[in-house]
Amino acid sequence: MTLIYGHRGARGEAPENTLKSFQRCLEHGVRRCELDLHLSRDGELMVIHDPTLKRTTGRRGKVHEHSAAELATYDARAGGPGWLTPCPIPRLAELFEACAFEHWQLEVKSASKVRAARMVTAIAELTERYGVSDKVTVTSSSREVLKALKHLTPQLSRGLVAEYDWLDPLKVARNYGCELLALNWTLCTPERVHKAQRLGLHVSVWTVNEPALMRRLADFGVDSLITDFPGLASATLD
């Protein structure tokens, strides 16, 4: 059975990485989600994809230049789709309190050695505080982040995000002790999926929005799909 993860919540139906988006995902009965994290100026984990505010809030500047209290007042509807009421940038802690997901893929973008260490330490502390450490896999395409996870927070499950073929994703995932491989769907072949699974990797494929592609990848045997339309995926695969 192929599991479904809501991409940034239900990105195709509500403003991405907002509480409304994750609530919409849960309304479809999809109990797994993928989201993106950046640190605020004062070290809180904020749920937003870009390092800058422009695309989703229309504001200038970088996420790490603003305090968590400031970021939590910024309306993140600008990236679409249309939404009538304001959707603030949430703290990760707020989602842990409000959303009963069975599993979370927490993606950390590329980071310097110092920032990677701060990020993974903050994630470990917050997931432990909320008792969800066993429900989380921290994912990244950044070697610095994966290295920090392996050495500083080995208790956390980790995953490689692989978008390109030029480095062998399976080799990199094994080098960093990953349990999950988040593959761009264009890299997905039955052979690669089965080889990864033989190595003990959960294969999660992104971003899959077309029903025919959902069915094809499920037939390949992928463990999970990440989609902007969790309701559509649920209806297609059921």
C-alpha atoms as a PDB file:
ATOM      1  CA  MET A   1       0.000   0.000   0.000  1.00  0.00           C
ATOM      2  CA  THR A   2       1.351   3.424  -0.991  1.00  0.00           C
ATOM      3  CA  LEU A   3       1.116   6.039   1.758  1.00  0.00           C
ATOM      4  CA  ILE A   4       0.224   9.684   1.044  1.00  0.00           C
ATOM      5  CA  TYR A   5       1.970  12.790   2.362  1.00  0.00           C
ATOM      6  CA  GLY A   6       0.423  16.232   1.987  1.00  0.00           C
ATOM      7  CA  HIS A   7       3.005  18.553   0.394  1.00  0.00           C
ATOM      8  CA  ARG A   8       3.310  21.657   2.575  1.00  0.00           C
ATOM      9  CA  GLY A   9      -0.091  20.573   3.849  1.00  0.00           C
ATOM     10  CA  ALA A  10      -2.529  20.636   0.952  1.00  0.00           C
ATOM     11  CA  ARG A  11      -0.676  23.159  -1.160  1.00  0.00           C
ATOM     12  CA  GLY A  12      -3.010  22.859  -4.144  1.00  0.00           C
ATOM     13  CA  GLU A  13      -6.045  23.788  -2.042  1.00  0.00           C
ATOM     14  CA  ALA A  14      -4.849  26.201   0.649  1.00  0.00           C
ATOM     15  CA  PRO A  15      -1.877  28.545   1.161  1.00  0.00           C
ATOM     16  CA  GLU A  16       1.214  26.370   1.556  1.00  0.00           C
ATOM     17  CA  ASN A  17       2.816  25.678   4.932  1.00  0.00           C
ATOM     18  CA  THR A  18      -0.004  27.363   6.868  1.00  0.00           C
ATOM     19  CA  LEU A  19      -2.229  25.918   9.563  1.00  0.00           C
ATOM     20  CA  LYS A  20      -5.186  26.022   7.149  1.00  0.00           C
ATOM     21  CA  SER A  21      -3.250  23.932   4.650  1.00  0.00           C
ATOM     22  CA  PHE A  22      -2.362  21.241   7.194  1.00  0.00           C
ATOM     23  CA  GLN A  23      -5.930  21.194   8.521  1.00  0.00           C
ATOM     24  CA  ARG A  24      -7.197  20.695   4.957  1.00  0.00           C
ATOM     25  CA  CYS A  25      -4.820  17.753   4.569  1.00  0.00           C
ATOM     26  CA  LEU A  26      -6.237  16.154   7.730  1.00  0.00           C
ATOM     27  CA  GLU A  27      -9.810  16.805   6.546  1.00  0.00           C
ATOM     28  CA  HIS A  28      -9.056  14.486   3.610  1.00  0.00           C
ATOM     29  CA  GLY A  29      -8.069  11.757   6.058  1.00  0.00           C
ATOM     30  CA  VAL A  30      -4.391  12.064   5.108  1.00  0.00           C
ATOM     31  CA  ARG A  31      -2.399  11.754   8.326  1.00  0.00           C
ATOM     32  CA  ARG A  32       1.106  12.359   6.990  1.00  0.00           C
ATOM     33  CA  CYS A  33       2.647  15.626   5.873  1.00  0.00           C
ATOM     34  CA  GLU A  34       5.780  17.229   4.479  1.00  0.00           C
ATOM     35  CA  LEU A  35       6.852  20.764   5.384  1.00  0.00           C
ATOM     36  CA  ASP A  36       9.810  23.143   5.277  1.00  0.00           C
ATOM     37  CA  LEU A  37      11.645  24.851   8.123  1.00  0.00           C
ATOM     38  CA  HIS A  38      13.715  27.969   8.701  1.00  0.00           C
ATOM     39  CA  LEU A  39      14.904  29.524  11.943  1.00  0.00           C
ATOM     40  CA  SER A  40      13.681  32.922  13.055  1.00  0.00           C
ATOM     41  CA  ARG A  41      16.149  35.545  14.287  1.00  0.00           C
ATOM     42  CA  ASP A  42      15.514  34.370  17.850  1.00  0.00           C
ATOM     43  CA  GLY A  43      15.950  30.676  17.051  1.00  0.00           C
ATOM     44  CA  GLU A  44      12.365  29.418  16.678  1.00  0.00           C
ATOM     45  CA  LEU A  45      11.441  26.898  13.989  1.00  0.00           C
ATOM     46  CA  MET A  46       9.132  28.554  11.483  1.00  0.00           C
ATOM     47  CA  VAL A  47       7.224  26.705   8.751  1.00  0.00           C
ATOM     48  CA  ILE A  48       8.035  28.369   5.433  1.00  0.00           C
ATOM     49  CA  HIS A  49       9.666  27.077   2.244  1.00  0.00           C
ATOM     50  CA  ASP A  50      11.754  29.983   0.977  1.00  0.00           C
ATOM     51  CA  PRO A  51      14.595  31.659   2.874  1.00  0.00           C
ATOM     52  CA  THR A  52      12.991  34.966   1.879  1.00  0.00           C
ATOM     53  CA  LEU A  53       9.512  36.318   2.571  1.00  0.00           C
ATOM     54  CA  LYS A  54       8.642  37.795  -0.833  1.00  0.00           C
ATOM     55  CA  ARG A  55       6.845  34.938  -2.611  1.00  0.00           C
ATOM     56  CA  THR A  56       4.422  33.910   0.124  1.00  0.00           C
ATOM     57  CA  THR A  57       3.978  37.148   2.120  1.00  0.00           C
ATOM     58  CA  GLY A  58       4.901  39.933  -0.301  1.00  0.00           C
ATOM     59  CA  ARG A  59       7.327  41.326   2.293  1.00  0.00           C
ATOM     60  CA  ARG A  60      11.002  42.063   1.879  1.00  0.00           C
ATOM     61  CA  GLY A  61      13.847  40.414   3.717  1.00  0.00           C
ATOM     62  CA  LYS A  62      14.942  36.997   4.889  1.00  0.00           C
ATOM     63  CA  VAL A  63      13.200  34.793   7.417  1.00  0.00           C
ATOM     64  CA  HIS A  64      16.206  34.765   9.773  1.00  0.00           C
ATOM     65  CA  GLU A  65      16.170  38.575   9.953  1.00  0.00           C
ATOM     66  CA  HIS A  66      12.778  38.574  11.715  1.00  0.00           C
ATOM     67  CA  SER A  67      11.715  37.403  15.167  1.00  0.00           C
ATOM     68  CA  ALA A  68       9.242  34.566  15.562  1.00  0.00           C
ATOM     69  CA  ALA A  69       6.664  36.998  16.976  1.00  0.00           C
ATOM     70  CA  GLU A  70       7.009  39.195  13.880  1.00  0.00           C
ATOM     71  CA  LEU A  71       6.868  36.272  11.452  1.00  0.00           C
ATOM     72  CA  ALA A  72       3.729  34.920  13.133  1.00  0.00           C
ATOM     73  CA  THR A  73       1.891  38.128  12.175  1.00  0.00           C
ATOM     74  CA  TYR A  74       2.813  37.985   8.452  1.00  0.00           C
ATOM     75  CA  ASP A  75       0.065  36.804   6.108  1.00  0.00           C
ATOM     76  CA  ALA A  76       1.358  33.948   3.927  1.00  0.00           C
ATOM     77  CA  ARG A  77      -1.441  33.864   1.347  1.00  0.00           C
ATOM     78  CA  ALA A  78       0.442  35.534  -1.503  1.00  0.00           C
ATOM     79  CA  GLY A  79       1.714  32.258  -2.997  1.00  0.00           C
ATOM     80  CA  GLY A  80      -1.866  31.082  -3.663  1.00  0.00           C
ATOM     81  CA  PRO A  81      -4.295  29.521  -4.138  1.00  0.00           C
ATOM     82  CA  GLY A  82      -6.886  32.188  -3.327  1.00  0.00           C
ATOM     83  CA  TRP A  83      -7.972  32.309   0.320  1.00  0.00           C
ATOM     84  CA  LEU A  84     -10.395  34.690   2.013  1.00  0.00           C
ATOM     85  CA  THR A  85      -8.885  34.997   5.477  1.00  0.00           C
ATOM     86  CA  PRO A  86      -5.302  35.735   6.625  1.00  0.00           C
ATOM     87  CA  CYS A  87      -2.968  32.734   7.030  1.00  0.00           C
ATOM     88  CA  PRO A  88       0.013  33.576   9.245  1.00  0.00           C
ATOM     89  CA  ILE A  89       3.383  31.834   9.055  1.00  0.00           C
ATOM     90  CA  PRO A  90       3.113  29.158  11.770  1.00  0.00           C
ATOM     91  CA  ARG A  91       5.668  28.062  14.312  1.00  0.00           C
ATOM     92  CA  LEU A  92       6.364  24.323  14.113  1.00  0.00           C
ATOM     93  CA  ALA A  93       5.299  24.110  17.770  1.00  0.00           C
ATOM     94  CA  GLU A  94       1.860  25.430  16.790  1.00  0.00           C
ATOM     95  CA  LEU A  95       1.414  22.623  14.265  1.00  0.00           C
ATOM     96  CA  PHE A  96       2.534  19.992  16.759  1.00  0.00           C
ATOM     97  CA  GLU A  97      -0.164  21.297  19.120  1.00  0.00           C
ATOM     98  CA  ALA A  98      -2.950  21.599  16.538  1.00  0.00           C
ATOM     99  CA  CYS A  99      -2.407  18.737  14.062  1.00  0.00           C
ATOM    100  CA  ALA A 100      -2.435  15.036  14.912  1.00  0.00           C
ATOM    101  CA  PHE A 101      -0.300  13.705  12.076  1.00  0.00           C
ATOM    102  CA  GLU A 102       1.011  10.144  12.244  1.00  0.00           C
ATOM    103  CA  HIS A 103       4.270  11.162  10.569  1.00  0.00           C
ATOM    104  CA  TRP A 104       6.036  14.364   9.586  1.00  0.00           C
ATOM    105  CA  GLN A 105       8.730  14.887   6.955  1.00  0.00           C
ATOM    106  CA  LEU A 106      10.545  18.032   8.103  1.00  0.00           C
ATOM    107  CA  GLU A 107      12.717  19.399   5.313  1.00  0.00           C
ATOM    108  CA  VAL A 108      15.694  21.617   6.094  1.00  0.00           C
ATOM    109  CA  LYS A 109      17.182  23.499   3.151  1.00  0.00           C
ATOM    110  CA  SER A 110      20.887  24.010   2.554  1.00  0.00           C
ATOM    111  CA  ALA A 111      22.704  25.599   5.462  1.00  0.00           C
ATOM    112  CA  SER A 112      26.146  26.525   6.706  1.00  0.00           C
ATOM    113  CA  LYS A 113      27.773  24.246   9.251  1.00  0.00           C
ATOM    114  CA  VAL A 114      26.777  26.577  12.114  1.00  0.00           C
ATOM    115  CA  ARG A 115      23.195  27.062  10.923  1.00  0.00           C
ATOM    116  CA  ALA A 116      22.759  23.329  10.256  1.00  0.00           C
ATOM    117  CA  ALA A 117      23.837  22.576  13.829  1.00  0.00           C
ATOM    118  CA  ARG A 118      21.382  25.144  15.218  1.00  0.00           C
ATOM    119  CA  MET A 119      18.543  23.772  13.085  1.00  0.00           C
ATOM    120  CA  VAL A 120      18.915  20.109  13.929  1.00  0.00           C
ATOM    121  CA  THR A 121      19.432  20.823  17.631  1.00  0.00           C
ATOM    122  CA  ALA A 122      16.275  22.956  17.693  1.00  0.00           C
ATOM    123  CA  ILE A 123      14.306  20.193  15.936  1.00  0.00           C
ATOM    124  CA  ALA A 124      15.545  17.562  18.378  1.00  0.00           C
ATOM    125  CA  GLU A 125      14.591  19.703  21.379  1.00  0.00           C
ATOM    126  CA  LEU A 126      11.133  20.581  20.045  1.00  0.00           C
ATOM    127  CA  THR A 127      10.200  17.065  18.926  1.00  0.00           C
ATOM    128  CA  GLU A 128      11.261  15.706  22.298  1.00  0.00           C
ATOM    129  CA  ARG A 129       9.243  18.362  24.121  1.00  0.00           C
ATOM    130  CA  TYR A 130       6.109  17.403  22.188  1.00  0.00           C
ATOM    131  CA  GLY A 131       6.759  13.658  22.345  1.00  0.00           C
ATOM    132  CA  VAL A 132       6.838  13.232  18.570  1.00  0.00           C
ATOM    133  CA  SER A 133      10.479  12.284  17.988  1.00  0.00           C
ATOM    134  CA  ASP A 134       9.410   8.850  16.740  1.00  0.00           C
ATOM    135  CA  LYS A 135       6.917  10.434  14.297  1.00  0.00           C
ATOM    136  CA  VAL A 136       9.446  12.631  12.520  1.00  0.00           C
ATOM    137  CA  THR A 137      11.993  12.200   9.730  1.00  0.00           C
ATOM    138  CA  VAL A 138      14.225  15.203   9.084  1.00  0.00           C
ATOM    139  CA  THR A 139      15.047  15.449   5.379  1.00  0.00           C
ATOM    140  CA  SER A 140      17.516  17.526   3.401  1.00  0.00           C
ATOM    141  CA  SER A 141      19.509  17.675   0.195  1.00  0.00           C
ATOM    142  CA  SER A 142      22.301  19.431   2.128  1.00  0.00           C
ATOM    143  CA  ARG A 143      25.327  17.387   3.125  1.00  0.00           C
ATOM    144  CA  GLU A 144      25.952  19.825   5.995  1.00  0.00           C
ATOM    145  CA  VAL A 145      22.474  19.198   7.387  1.00  0.00           C
ATOM    146  CA  LEU A 146      22.743  15.413   6.998  1.00  0.00           C
ATOM    147  CA  LYS A 147      26.171  15.457   8.636  1.00  0.00           C
ATOM    148  CA  ALA A 148      24.823  17.497  11.564  1.00  0.00           C
ATOM    149  CA  LEU A 149      21.891  15.108  11.950  1.00  0.00           C
ATOM    150  CA  LYS A 150      24.177  12.090  11.973  1.00  0.00           C
ATOM    151  CA  HIS A 151      26.624  13.476  14.512  1.00  0.00           C
ATOM    152  CA  LEU A 152      24.580  15.846  16.708  1.00  0.00           C
ATOM    153  CA  THR A 153      21.097  14.271  16.742  1.00  0.00           C
ATOM    154  CA  PRO A 154      21.560  10.589  15.844  1.00  0.00           C
ATOM    155  CA  GLN A 155      18.286   9.766  17.615  1.00  0.00           C
ATOM    156  CA  LEU A 156      16.316  11.478  14.837  1.00  0.00           C
ATOM    157  CA  SER A 157      15.373   9.592  11.679  1.00  0.00           C
ATOM    158  CA  ARG A 158      16.899  11.276   8.626  1.00  0.00           C
ATOM    159  CA  GLY A 159      16.246  11.295   4.910  1.00  0.00           C
ATOM    160  CA  LEU A 160      17.959  12.435   1.725  1.00  0.00           C
ATOM    161  CA  VAL A 161      16.066  14.695  -0.689  1.00  0.00           C
ATOM    162  CA  ALA A 162      17.329  13.821  -4.177  1.00  0.00           C
ATOM    163  CA  GLU A 163      16.458  15.970  -7.170  1.00  0.00           C
ATOM    164  CA  TYR A 164      19.286  15.148  -9.585  1.00  0.00           C
ATOM    165  CA  ASP A 165      20.897  11.989 -10.869  1.00  0.00           C
ATOM    166  CA  TRP A 166      24.520  13.082 -11.081  1.00  0.00           C
ATOM    167  CA  LEU A 167      25.340  11.791  -7.602  1.00  0.00           C
ATOM    168  CA  ASP A 168      24.109   8.298  -6.799  1.00  0.00           C
ATOM    169  CA  PRO A 169      21.236   9.000  -4.373  1.00  0.00           C
ATOM    170  CA  LEU A 170      21.384   5.529  -2.847  1.00  0.00           C
ATOM    171  CA  LYS A 171      25.085   5.836  -2.083  1.00  0.00           C
ATOM    172  CA  VAL A 172      24.657   9.273  -0.491  1.00  0.00           C
ATOM    173  CA  ALA A 173      21.675   8.091   1.574  1.00  0.00           C
ATOM    174  CA  ARG A 174      23.662   5.137   2.894  1.00  0.00           C
ATOM    175  CA  ASN A 175      26.698   7.306   3.674  1.00  0.00           C
ATOM    176  CA  TYR A 176      24.612   9.467   6.001  1.00  0.00           C
ATOM    177  CA  GLY A 177      22.657   6.627   7.580  1.00  0.00           C
ATOM    178  CA  CYS A 178      19.334   7.713   6.101  1.00  0.00           C
ATOM    179  CA  GLU A 179      16.133   5.728   6.558  1.00  0.00           C
ATOM    180  CA  LEU A 180      14.151   7.615   3.913  1.00  0.00           C
ATOM    181  CA  LEU A 181      14.865   8.625   0.322  1.00  0.00           C
ATOM    182  CA  ALA A 182      12.723  11.491  -0.991  1.00  0.00           C
ATOM    183  CA  LEU A 183      13.091  11.161  -4.756  1.00  0.00           C
ATOM    184  CA  ASN A 184      12.023  13.626  -7.405  1.00  0.00           C
ATOM    185  CA  TRP A 185       9.510  11.545  -9.373  1.00  0.00           C
ATOM    186  CA  THR A 186      11.532  12.003 -12.575  1.00  0.00           C
ATOM    187  CA  LEU A 187      14.306   9.900 -10.998  1.00  0.00           C
ATOM    188  CA  CYS A 188      11.934   7.104 -10.131  1.00  0.00           C
ATOM    189  CA  THR A 189      12.300   3.742 -11.878  1.00  0.00           C
ATOM    190  CA  PRO A 190      11.152   0.349 -10.612  1.00  0.00           C
ATOM    191  CA  GLU A 191      14.803  -0.748 -10.473  1.00  0.00           C
ATOM    192  CA  ARG A 192      15.878   2.217  -8.339  1.00  0.00           C
ATOM    193  CA  VAL A 193      12.876   1.841  -6.030  1.00  0.00           C
ATOM    194  CA  HIS A 194      13.492  -1.855  -5.429  1.00  0.00           C
ATOM    195  CA  LYS A 195      17.238  -1.372  -4.952  1.00  0.00           C
ATOM    196  CA  ALA A 196      16.588   1.376  -2.376  1.00  0.00           C
ATOM    197  CA  GLN A 197      14.075  -0.799  -0.546  1.00  0.00           C
ATOM    198  CA  ARG A 198      16.526  -3.692  -0.454  1.00  0.00           C
ATOM    199  CA  LEU A 199      18.903  -1.289   1.306  1.00  0.00           C
ATOM    200  CA  GLY A 200      16.210  -0.595   3.903  1.00  0.00           C
ATOM    201  CA  LEU A 201      15.143   2.817   2.589  1.00  0.00           C
ATOM    202  CA  HIS A 202      11.570   4.099   2.599  1.00  0.00           C
ATOM    203  CA  VAL A 203      11.094   5.612  -0.880  1.00  0.00           C
ATOM    204  CA  SER A 204       8.977   8.772  -0.882  1.00  0.00           C
ATOM    205  CA  VAL A 205       8.382  10.422  -4.268  1.00  0.00           C
ATOM    206  CA  TRP A 206       7.621  14.119  -4.917  1.00  0.00           C
ATOM    207  CA  THR A 207       5.707  16.126  -6.124  1.00  0.00           C
ATOM    208  CA  VAL A 208       3.013  13.940  -7.671  1.00  0.00           C
ATOM    209  CA  ASN A 209      -0.241  15.653  -8.694  1.00  0.00           C
ATOM    210  CA  GLU A 210      -1.584  13.755 -11.722  1.00  0.00           C
ATOM    211  CA  PRO A 211      -3.790  10.684 -11.096  1.00  0.00           C
ATOM    212  CA  ALA A 212      -2.189   8.658 -13.901  1.00  0.00           C
ATOM    213  CA  LEU A 213       1.282   9.359 -12.483  1.00  0.00           C
ATOM    214  CA  MET A 214       0.093   8.500  -8.969  1.00  0.00           C
ATOM    215  CA  ARG A 215      -1.096   5.107 -10.189  1.00  0.00           C
ATOM    216  CA  ARG A 216       2.079   4.468 -12.203  1.00  0.00           C
ATOM    217  CA  LEU A 217       4.368   5.238  -9.264  1.00  0.00           C
ATOM    218  CA  ALA A 218       2.225   3.149  -6.934  1.00  0.00           C
ATOM    219  CA  ASP A 219       2.608   0.288  -9.425  1.00  0.00           C
ATOM    220  CA  PHE A 220       6.386   0.815  -9.255  1.00  0.00           C
ATOM    221  CA  GLY A 221       6.076   0.011  -5.546  1.00  0.00           C
ATOM    222  CA  VAL A 222       7.023   3.368  -4.002  1.00  0.00           C
ATOM    223  CA  ASP A 223       6.369   3.517  -0.268  1.00  0.00           C
ATOM    224  CA  SER A 224       4.772   6.966  -0.330  1.00  0.00           C
ATOM    225  CA  LEU A 225       3.775   9.882  -2.557  1.00  0.00           C
ATOM    226  CA  ILE A 226       4.108  13.564  -1.665  1.00  0.00           C
ATOM    227  CA  THR A 227       1.321  15.578  -3.305  1.00  0.00           C
ATOM    228  CA  ASP A 228      -0.239  19.047  -3.399  1.00  0.00           C
ATOM    229  CA  PHE A 229      -3.645  17.338  -3.581  1.00  0.00           C
ATOM    230  CA  PRO A 230      -3.882  14.757  -0.770  1.00  0.00           C
ATOM    231  CA  GLY A 231      -7.646  14.345  -1.265  1.00  0.00           C
ATOM    232  CA  LEU A 232      -7.215  13.552  -4.958  1.00  0.00           C
ATOM    233  CA  ALA A 233      -4.372  11.147  -4.185  1.00  0.00           C
ATOM    234  CA  SER A 234      -6.427   9.392  -1.551  1.00  0.00           C
ATOM    235  CA  ALA A 235      -9.373   8.945  -3.932  1.00  0.00           C
ATOM    236  CA  THR A 236      -7.079   7.828  -6.786  1.00  0.00           C
ATOM    237  CA  LEU A 237      -5.156   5.229  -4.826  1.00  0.00           C
ATOM    238  CA  ASP A 238      -8.139   3.908  -2.871  1.00  0.00           C
END
